[in-house]
Amino acid sequence: MKVNSLSNALPQMNTETSNRDKTLEKIATAVELKLEDSSSRTIADMMQNQISSLSQGLMNANDGIAMLQIADGALSSLSDQTQTLNDLSVRNNSAILNSADKQALNSQFQRTLSSMQNIVNTTSYNGNPLFNNNFSISIGEGTLSASIANVSPKGLSIDNQEGINQYAQTLASAQSDVGSATNNFISSTNVLLQQITDTAAAKSQIADTDMAKQVSEFQQSNNQISAGLLAMAHQTDTMRQSMARLLG
């Protein structure tokens, strides 16, 4: 009878050992075994693909923000130098200046113009010129567009203060457009971040293991196996003693 009892305990021990090993595997991989079900795995894979697509869209949107920040910095510099042009133009209209004074002012005016034109010519992002250009950036299921006006200061002269003021207005309008586009990109990144968070949470419901639960289950299985091994060892010792008495 004791031999039969010991034999009957072995299948249960094997089951507990298998459960423990599977739980340990889940802890190691942090993936539920229910993903062995093909439909669950397919859904999880689709969600992961969606997360990857959203993440790429987020990176693209961040690139757009970085591009617009560069453009805004350049426009701010142009705006500051336009104020210099205006100051030089106002001073040039003074009746007390002689020709040498005016020539010096005009030389400074031209140097400022040259510096401004260099900003327009060299402002770029990843090798792409930013001014007088249109951009469309993919953010997953849609696109965002940004347009940066032609802000070349060509044609400005120290004698035409009205033209300088008009150019300043052009810069202000361009900065407003860049600011609006930047806000759109920032808003899109917030949406993308929320979508990534929600999708990752949904995927976690399907694929990710509740680690605390799995550790608890592992401990329970391990304890049952240990208890079973002790019981089997006790049974074996009892059988050995009984056989010794019978033989002795």
C-alpha atoms as a PDB file:
ATOM      1  CA  MET A   1       0.000   0.000   0.000  1.00  0.00           C
ATOM      2  CA  LYS A   2       2.845   2.344   0.750  1.00  0.00           C
ATOM      3  CA  VAL A   3       4.422   1.566  -2.588  1.00  0.00           C
ATOM      4  CA  ASN A   4       1.125   2.380  -4.315  1.00  0.00           C
ATOM      5  CA  SER A   5       0.852   5.637  -2.358  1.00  0.00           C
ATOM      6  CA  LEU A   6       4.328   6.619  -3.456  1.00  0.00           C
ATOM      7  CA  SER A   7       3.590   5.780  -7.092  1.00  0.00           C
ATOM      8  CA  ASN A   8       0.383   7.815  -7.046  1.00  0.00           C
ATOM      9  CA  ALA A   9       2.266  10.852  -5.744  1.00  0.00           C
ATOM     10  CA  LEU A  10       4.688  10.950  -8.654  1.00  0.00           C
ATOM     11  CA  PRO A  11       2.256  12.268 -11.322  1.00  0.00           C
ATOM     12  CA  GLN A  12       1.216  15.106  -9.011  1.00  0.00           C
ATOM     13  CA  MET A  13       4.881  15.896  -8.366  1.00  0.00           C
ATOM     14  CA  ASN A  14       5.560  15.944 -12.089  1.00  0.00           C
ATOM     15  CA  THR A  15       2.626  18.298 -12.640  1.00  0.00           C
ATOM     16  CA  GLU A  16       3.820  20.669  -9.945  1.00  0.00           C
ATOM     17  CA  THR A  17       7.344  20.590 -11.338  1.00  0.00           C
ATOM     18  CA  SER A  18       6.042  21.384 -14.817  1.00  0.00           C
ATOM     19  CA  ASN A  19       3.929  24.259 -13.467  1.00  0.00           C
ATOM     20  CA  ARG A  20       6.879  25.624 -11.547  1.00  0.00           C
ATOM     21  CA  ASP A  21       9.160  25.471 -14.568  1.00  0.00           C
ATOM     22  CA  LYS A  22       6.587  27.208 -16.768  1.00  0.00           C
ATOM     23  CA  THR A  23       6.115  29.945 -14.190  1.00  0.00           C
ATOM     24  CA  LEU A  24       9.859  30.415 -13.979  1.00  0.00           C
ATOM     25  CA  GLU A  25       9.988  30.723 -17.757  1.00  0.00           C
ATOM     26  CA  LYS A  26       7.300  33.407 -17.668  1.00  0.00           C
ATOM     27  CA  ILE A  27       9.257  35.298 -15.045  1.00  0.00           C
ATOM     28  CA  ALA A  28      12.382  35.117 -17.186  1.00  0.00           C
ATOM     29  CA  THR A  29      10.689  36.220 -20.400  1.00  0.00           C
ATOM     30  CA  ALA A  30       7.955  38.439 -18.901  1.00  0.00           C
ATOM     31  CA  VAL A  31       5.486  37.005 -21.425  1.00  0.00           C
ATOM     32  CA  GLU A  32       2.339  35.119 -20.560  1.00  0.00           C
ATOM     33  CA  LEU A  33       2.083  31.582 -21.882  1.00  0.00           C
ATOM     34  CA  LYS A  34      -1.349  32.425 -23.205  1.00  0.00           C
ATOM     35  CA  LEU A  35       0.523  33.937 -26.148  1.00  0.00           C
ATOM     36  CA  GLU A  36       0.932  30.364 -27.265  1.00  0.00           C
ATOM     37  CA  ASP A  37      -2.586  30.970 -28.505  1.00  0.00           C
ATOM     38  CA  SER A  38      -2.110  32.194 -32.082  1.00  0.00           C
ATOM     39  CA  SER A  39      -4.883  34.780 -31.949  1.00  0.00           C
ATOM     40  CA  SER A  40      -3.427  36.400 -28.831  1.00  0.00           C
ATOM     41  CA  ARG A  41       0.036  36.458 -30.356  1.00  0.00           C
ATOM     42  CA  THR A  42      -1.328  37.979 -33.572  1.00  0.00           C
ATOM     43  CA  ILE A  43      -3.078  40.744 -31.647  1.00  0.00           C
ATOM     44  CA  ALA A  44       0.040  41.421 -29.574  1.00  0.00           C
ATOM     45  CA  ASP A  45       2.192  41.564 -32.719  1.00  0.00           C
ATOM     46  CA  MET A  46      -0.247  43.979 -34.364  1.00  0.00           C
ATOM     47  CA  MET A  47      -0.145  46.198 -31.293  1.00  0.00           C
ATOM     48  CA  GLN A  48       3.648  46.115 -31.303  1.00  0.00           C
ATOM     49  CA  ASN A  49       3.657  47.121 -34.966  1.00  0.00           C
ATOM     50  CA  GLN A  50       1.310  49.963 -34.126  1.00  0.00           C
ATOM     51  CA  ILE A  51       3.571  51.065 -31.298  1.00  0.00           C
ATOM     52  CA  SER A  52       6.559  50.992 -33.664  1.00  0.00           C
ATOM     53  CA  SER A  53       4.682  53.078 -36.235  1.00  0.00           C
ATOM     54  CA  LEU A  54       3.553  55.586 -33.622  1.00  0.00           C
ATOM     55  CA  SER A  55       7.082  55.782 -32.242  1.00  0.00           C
ATOM     56  CA  GLN A  56       8.464  56.563 -35.685  1.00  0.00           C
ATOM     57  CA  GLY A  57       5.790  59.227 -36.100  1.00  0.00           C
ATOM     58  CA  LEU A  58       6.842  60.686 -32.762  1.00  0.00           C
ATOM     59  CA  MET A  59      10.464  60.803 -33.894  1.00  0.00           C
ATOM     60  CA  ASN A  60       9.408  62.521 -37.122  1.00  0.00           C
ATOM     61  CA  ALA A  61       7.365  65.073 -35.207  1.00  0.00           C
ATOM     62  CA  ASN A  62      10.327  65.779 -32.936  1.00  0.00           C
ATOM     63  CA  ASP A  63      12.486  66.278 -36.025  1.00  0.00           C
ATOM     64  CA  GLY A  64       9.899  68.780 -37.238  1.00  0.00           C
ATOM     65  CA  ILE A  65      10.023  70.640 -33.945  1.00  0.00           C
ATOM     66  CA  ALA A  66      13.826  70.746 -34.050  1.00  0.00           C
ATOM     67  CA  MET A  67      13.727  72.045 -37.621  1.00  0.00           C
ATOM     68  CA  LEU A  68      11.266  74.780 -36.721  1.00  0.00           C
ATOM     69  CA  GLN A  69      13.299  75.773 -33.682  1.00  0.00           C
ATOM     70  CA  ILE A  70      16.317  76.313 -35.931  1.00  0.00           C
ATOM     71  CA  ALA A  71      14.197  78.394 -38.283  1.00  0.00           C
ATOM     72  CA  ASP A  72      12.805  80.423 -35.388  1.00  0.00           C
ATOM     73  CA  GLY A  73      16.298  81.107 -34.068  1.00  0.00           C
ATOM     74  CA  ALA A  74      17.398  82.319 -37.494  1.00  0.00           C
ATOM     75  CA  LEU A  75      14.318  84.537 -37.819  1.00  0.00           C
ATOM     76  CA  SER A  76      14.995  86.050 -34.406  1.00  0.00           C
ATOM     77  CA  SER A  77      18.549  86.860 -35.472  1.00  0.00           C
ATOM     78  CA  LEU A  78      17.270  88.408 -38.711  1.00  0.00           C
ATOM     79  CA  SER A  79      14.757  90.449 -36.742  1.00  0.00           C
ATOM     80  CA  ASP A  80      17.492  91.799 -34.450  1.00  0.00           C
ATOM     81  CA  GLN A  81      19.648  92.761 -37.413  1.00  0.00           C
ATOM     82  CA  THR A  82      16.675  94.363 -39.138  1.00  0.00           C
ATOM     83  CA  GLN A  83      16.430  96.679 -36.149  1.00  0.00           C
ATOM     84  CA  THR A  84      20.078  97.567 -36.786  1.00  0.00           C
ATOM     85  CA  LEU A  85      19.213  98.340 -40.404  1.00  0.00           C
ATOM     86  CA  ASN A  86      16.385 100.572 -39.264  1.00  0.00           C
ATOM     87  CA  ASP A  87      18.616 102.409 -36.780  1.00  0.00           C
ATOM     88  CA  LEU A  88      21.238 102.993 -39.472  1.00  0.00           C
ATOM     89  CA  SER A  89      18.567 104.260 -41.866  1.00  0.00           C
ATOM     90  CA  VAL A  90      17.217 106.706 -39.275  1.00  0.00           C
ATOM     91  CA  ARG A  91      20.705 108.022 -38.503  1.00  0.00           C
ATOM     92  CA  ASN A  92      21.455 108.334 -42.208  1.00  0.00           C
ATOM     93  CA  ASN A  93      18.575 110.822 -42.548  1.00  0.00           C
ATOM     94  CA  SER A  94      20.202 113.236 -40.125  1.00  0.00           C
ATOM     95  CA  ALA A  95      20.958 116.600 -41.732  1.00  0.00           C
ATOM     96  CA  ILE A  96      24.136 117.099 -39.706  1.00  0.00           C
ATOM     97  CA  LEU A  97      25.967 114.157 -41.321  1.00  0.00           C
ATOM     98  CA  ASN A  98      28.545 114.755 -44.003  1.00  0.00           C
ATOM     99  CA  SER A  99      29.213 112.429 -46.943  1.00  0.00           C
ATOM    100  CA  ALA A 100      31.944 110.520 -45.101  1.00  0.00           C
ATOM    101  CA  ASP A 101      29.586 109.836 -42.191  1.00  0.00           C
ATOM    102  CA  LYS A 102      26.905 108.602 -44.546  1.00  0.00           C
ATOM    103  CA  GLN A 103      29.391 106.430 -46.409  1.00  0.00           C
ATOM    104  CA  ALA A 104      30.443 104.825 -43.123  1.00  0.00           C
ATOM    105  CA  LEU A 105      26.816 104.201 -42.176  1.00  0.00           C
ATOM    106  CA  ASN A 106      26.104 102.689 -45.575  1.00  0.00           C
ATOM    107  CA  SER A 107      29.138 100.400 -45.286  1.00  0.00           C
ATOM    108  CA  GLN A 108      27.823  99.134 -41.965  1.00  0.00           C
ATOM    109  CA  PHE A 109      24.374  98.754 -43.522  1.00  0.00           C
ATOM    110  CA  GLN A 110      25.798  96.607 -46.344  1.00  0.00           C
ATOM    111  CA  ARG A 111      27.801  94.455 -43.945  1.00  0.00           C
ATOM    112  CA  THR A 112      24.648  93.837 -41.936  1.00  0.00           C
ATOM    113  CA  LEU A 113      22.748  92.944 -45.109  1.00  0.00           C
ATOM    114  CA  SER A 114      25.509  90.512 -46.069  1.00  0.00           C
ATOM    115  CA  SER A 115      25.358  88.863 -42.672  1.00  0.00           C
ATOM    116  CA  MET A 116      21.592  88.529 -42.923  1.00  0.00           C
ATOM    117  CA  GLN A 117      21.756  87.035 -46.393  1.00  0.00           C
ATOM    118  CA  ASN A 118      24.318  84.529 -45.152  1.00  0.00           C
ATOM    119  CA  ILE A 119      21.869  83.459 -42.430  1.00  0.00           C
ATOM    120  CA  VAL A 120      19.156  82.938 -45.051  1.00  0.00           C
ATOM    121  CA  ASN A 121      21.505  80.967 -47.325  1.00  0.00           C
ATOM    122  CA  THR A 122      22.997  78.703 -44.667  1.00  0.00           C
ATOM    123  CA  THR A 123      20.094  77.952 -42.338  1.00  0.00           C
ATOM    124  CA  SER A 124      19.324  74.278 -42.900  1.00  0.00           C
ATOM    125  CA  TYR A 125      18.302  71.037 -41.221  1.00  0.00           C
ATOM    126  CA  ASN A 126      19.956  67.758 -42.201  1.00  0.00           C
ATOM    127  CA  GLY A 127      21.366  69.509 -45.239  1.00  0.00           C
ATOM    128  CA  ASN A 128      18.002  70.857 -46.407  1.00  0.00           C
ATOM    129  CA  PRO A 129      17.651  74.653 -46.666  1.00  0.00           C
ATOM    130  CA  LEU A 130      14.797  75.896 -44.506  1.00  0.00           C
ATOM    131  CA  PHE A 131      13.827  79.251 -45.969  1.00  0.00           C
ATOM    132  CA  ASN A 132      11.531  79.496 -48.964  1.00  0.00           C
ATOM    133  CA  ASN A 133      10.697  75.835 -48.586  1.00  0.00           C
ATOM    134  CA  ASN A 134       7.705  73.618 -47.818  1.00  0.00           C
ATOM    135  CA  PHE A 135       7.891  70.512 -45.639  1.00  0.00           C
ATOM    136  CA  SER A 136       5.533  67.578 -45.142  1.00  0.00           C
ATOM    137  CA  ILE A 137       6.356  65.231 -42.287  1.00  0.00           C
ATOM    138  CA  SER A 138       4.737  61.845 -41.758  1.00  0.00           C
ATOM    139  CA  ILE A 139       3.429  61.196 -38.246  1.00  0.00           C
ATOM    140  CA  GLY A 140       1.915  57.763 -38.733  1.00  0.00           C
ATOM    141  CA  GLU A 141      -1.597  57.914 -40.132  1.00  0.00           C
ATOM    142  CA  GLY A 142      -1.276  61.552 -41.228  1.00  0.00           C
ATOM    143  CA  THR A 143       1.171  64.273 -42.135  1.00  0.00           C
ATOM    144  CA  LEU A 144       2.045  67.704 -40.833  1.00  0.00           C
ATOM    145  CA  SER A 145       3.112  70.523 -43.126  1.00  0.00           C
ATOM    146  CA  ALA A 146       5.278  73.542 -42.487  1.00  0.00           C
ATOM    147  CA  SER A 147       6.021  76.415 -44.811  1.00  0.00           C
ATOM    148  CA  ILE A 148       8.810  78.922 -44.230  1.00  0.00           C
ATOM    149  CA  ALA A 149       8.665  82.088 -46.316  1.00  0.00           C
ATOM    150  CA  ASN A 150      11.388  83.630 -48.407  1.00  0.00           C
ATOM    151  CA  VAL A 151      12.959  86.137 -46.036  1.00  0.00           C
ATOM    152  CA  SER A 152      15.902  87.252 -48.138  1.00  0.00           C
ATOM    153  CA  PRO A 153      16.787  90.911 -47.374  1.00  0.00           C
ATOM    154  CA  LYS A 154      17.788  91.576 -50.958  1.00  0.00           C
ATOM    155  CA  GLY A 155      16.675  94.966 -52.289  1.00  0.00           C
ATOM    156  CA  LEU A 156      16.835  96.786 -48.971  1.00  0.00           C
ATOM    157  CA  SER A 157      18.669 100.102 -48.938  1.00  0.00           C
ATOM    158  CA  ILE A 158      19.634 102.601 -46.285  1.00  0.00           C
ATOM    159  CA  ASP A 159      17.566 105.283 -48.045  1.00  0.00           C
ATOM    160  CA  ASN A 160      14.330 103.258 -47.988  1.00  0.00           C
ATOM    161  CA  GLN A 161      13.093 103.070 -44.417  1.00  0.00           C
ATOM    162  CA  GLU A 162       9.628 102.010 -45.541  1.00  0.00           C
ATOM    163  CA  GLY A 163      11.096  98.952 -47.284  1.00  0.00           C
ATOM    164  CA  ILE A 164      12.950  98.046 -44.077  1.00  0.00           C
ATOM    165  CA  ASN A 165       9.704  98.279 -42.094  1.00  0.00           C
ATOM    166  CA  GLN A 166       7.914  96.058 -44.615  1.00  0.00           C
ATOM    167  CA  TYR A 167      10.695  93.513 -44.359  1.00  0.00           C
ATOM    168  CA  ALA A 168      10.353  93.562 -40.562  1.00  0.00           C
ATOM    169  CA  GLN A 169       6.655  92.768 -40.987  1.00  0.00           C
ATOM    170  CA  THR A 170       7.560  89.880 -43.297  1.00  0.00           C
ATOM    171  CA  LEU A 171       9.820  88.484 -40.605  1.00  0.00           C
ATOM    172  CA  ALA A 172       7.121  88.885 -37.959  1.00  0.00           C
ATOM    173  CA  SER A 173       4.652  87.014 -40.164  1.00  0.00           C
ATOM    174  CA  ALA A 174       7.177  84.232 -40.795  1.00  0.00           C
ATOM    175  CA  GLN A 175       7.844  83.895 -37.069  1.00  0.00           C
ATOM    176  CA  SER A 176       4.118  83.685 -36.415  1.00  0.00           C
ATOM    177  CA  ASP A 177       3.787  80.898 -39.013  1.00  0.00           C
ATOM    178  CA  VAL A 178       6.722  79.014 -37.529  1.00  0.00           C
ATOM    179  CA  GLY A 179       5.259  79.390 -34.018  1.00  0.00           C
ATOM    180  CA  SER A 180       1.893  78.067 -35.178  1.00  0.00           C
ATOM    181  CA  ALA A 181       3.510  75.110 -36.950  1.00  0.00           C
ATOM    182  CA  THR A 182       5.583  74.370 -33.849  1.00  0.00           C
ATOM    183  CA  ASN A 183       2.460  74.307 -31.702  1.00  0.00           C
ATOM    184  CA  ASN A 184       0.853  71.858 -34.158  1.00  0.00           C
ATOM    185  CA  PHE A 185       3.851  69.570 -33.965  1.00  0.00           C
ATOM    186  CA  ILE A 186       3.933  69.739 -30.166  1.00  0.00           C
ATOM    187  CA  SER A 187       0.221  68.960 -30.015  1.00  0.00           C
ATOM    188  CA  SER A 188       0.787  65.978 -32.316  1.00  0.00           C
ATOM    189  CA  THR A 189       3.613  64.655 -30.151  1.00  0.00           C
ATOM    190  CA  ASN A 190       1.315  64.787 -27.123  1.00  0.00           C
ATOM    191  CA  VAL A 191      -1.334  62.805 -29.004  1.00  0.00           C
ATOM    192  CA  LEU A 192       1.233  60.281 -30.221  1.00  0.00           C
ATOM    193  CA  LEU A 193       2.646  59.849 -26.726  1.00  0.00           C
ATOM    194  CA  GLN A 194      -0.818  59.143 -25.349  1.00  0.00           C
ATOM    195  CA  GLN A 195      -1.542  56.671 -28.156  1.00  0.00           C
ATOM    196  CA  ILE A 196       1.748  54.877 -27.510  1.00  0.00           C
ATOM    197  CA  THR A 197       0.975  54.725 -23.786  1.00  0.00           C
ATOM    198  CA  ASP A 198      -2.566  53.416 -24.336  1.00  0.00           C
ATOM    199  CA  THR A 199      -1.486  50.838 -26.921  1.00  0.00           C
ATOM    200  CA  ALA A 200       1.396  49.628 -24.763  1.00  0.00           C
ATOM    201  CA  ALA A 201      -0.990  49.274 -21.823  1.00  0.00           C
ATOM    202  CA  ALA A 202      -3.427  47.287 -23.968  1.00  0.00           C
ATOM    203  CA  LYS A 203      -0.611  45.058 -25.207  1.00  0.00           C
ATOM    204  CA  SER A 204       0.495  44.540 -21.640  1.00  0.00           C
ATOM    205  CA  GLN A 205      -2.954  43.193 -20.792  1.00  0.00           C
ATOM    206  CA  ILE A 206      -2.442  40.509 -23.429  1.00  0.00           C
ATOM    207  CA  ALA A 207       1.270  39.798 -23.362  1.00  0.00           C
ATOM    208  CA  ASP A 208       3.055  40.992 -20.281  1.00  0.00           C
ATOM    209  CA  THR A 209       3.289  38.940 -17.134  1.00  0.00           C
ATOM    210  CA  ASP A 210       2.130  40.224 -13.762  1.00  0.00           C
ATOM    211  CA  MET A 211       5.505  39.633 -12.157  1.00  0.00           C
ATOM    212  CA  ALA A 212       4.293  39.736  -8.553  1.00  0.00           C
ATOM    213  CA  LYS A 213       1.647  37.130  -9.355  1.00  0.00           C
ATOM    214  CA  GLN A 214       4.118  34.936 -11.193  1.00  0.00           C
ATOM    215  CA  VAL A 215       6.691  35.069  -8.405  1.00  0.00           C
ATOM    216  CA  SER A 216       3.977  34.143  -5.910  1.00  0.00           C
ATOM    217  CA  GLU A 217       2.865  31.217  -8.074  1.00  0.00           C
ATOM    218  CA  PHE A 218       6.474  30.094  -8.464  1.00  0.00           C
ATOM    219  CA  GLN A 219       6.962  30.140  -4.694  1.00  0.00           C
ATOM    220  CA  GLN A 220       3.748  28.183  -4.148  1.00  0.00           C
ATOM    221  CA  SER A 221       4.712  25.532  -6.696  1.00  0.00           C
ATOM    222  CA  ASN A 222       8.201  25.305  -5.295  1.00  0.00           C
ATOM    223  CA  ASN A 223       6.848  24.926  -1.748  1.00  0.00           C
ATOM    224  CA  GLN A 224       4.469  22.183  -2.856  1.00  0.00           C
ATOM    225  CA  ILE A 225       7.278  20.360  -4.608  1.00  0.00           C
ATOM    226  CA  SER A 226       9.494  20.680  -1.524  1.00  0.00           C
ATOM    227  CA  ALA A 227       6.693  19.401   0.686  1.00  0.00           C
ATOM    228  CA  GLY A 228       6.070  16.552  -1.731  1.00  0.00           C
ATOM    229  CA  LEU A 229       9.729  15.620  -1.806  1.00  0.00           C
ATOM    230  CA  LEU A 230       9.835  15.588   1.995  1.00  0.00           C
ATOM    231  CA  ALA A 231       6.726  13.406   2.094  1.00  0.00           C
ATOM    232  CA  MET A 232       8.197  11.030  -0.448  1.00  0.00           C
ATOM    233  CA  ALA A 233      11.454  10.885   1.472  1.00  0.00           C
ATOM    234  CA  HIS A 234       9.526  10.132   4.661  1.00  0.00           C
ATOM    235  CA  GLN A 235       7.523   7.414   2.898  1.00  0.00           C
ATOM    236  CA  THR A 236      10.705   5.908   1.502  1.00  0.00           C
ATOM    237  CA  ASP A 237      12.325   5.894   4.934  1.00  0.00           C
ATOM    238  CA  THR A 238       9.209   4.331   6.480  1.00  0.00           C
ATOM    239  CA  MET A 239       9.157   1.647   3.797  1.00  0.00           C
ATOM    240  CA  ARG A 240      12.857   0.938   4.378  1.00  0.00           C
ATOM    241  CA  GLN A 241      12.286   0.554   8.109  1.00  0.00           C
ATOM    242  CA  SER A 242       9.245  -1.686   7.548  1.00  0.00           C
ATOM    243  CA  MET A 243      11.179  -3.904   5.137  1.00  0.00           C
ATOM    244  CA  ALA A 244      14.029  -4.133   7.647  1.00  0.00           C
ATOM    245  CA  ARG A 245      11.621  -5.261  10.351  1.00  0.00           C
ATOM    246  CA  LEU A 246      10.047  -7.830   8.019  1.00  0.00           C
ATOM    247  CA  LEU A 247      13.426  -9.154   7.034  1.00  0.00           C
ATOM    248  CA  GLY A 248      14.883  -8.983  10.435  1.00  0.00           C
END
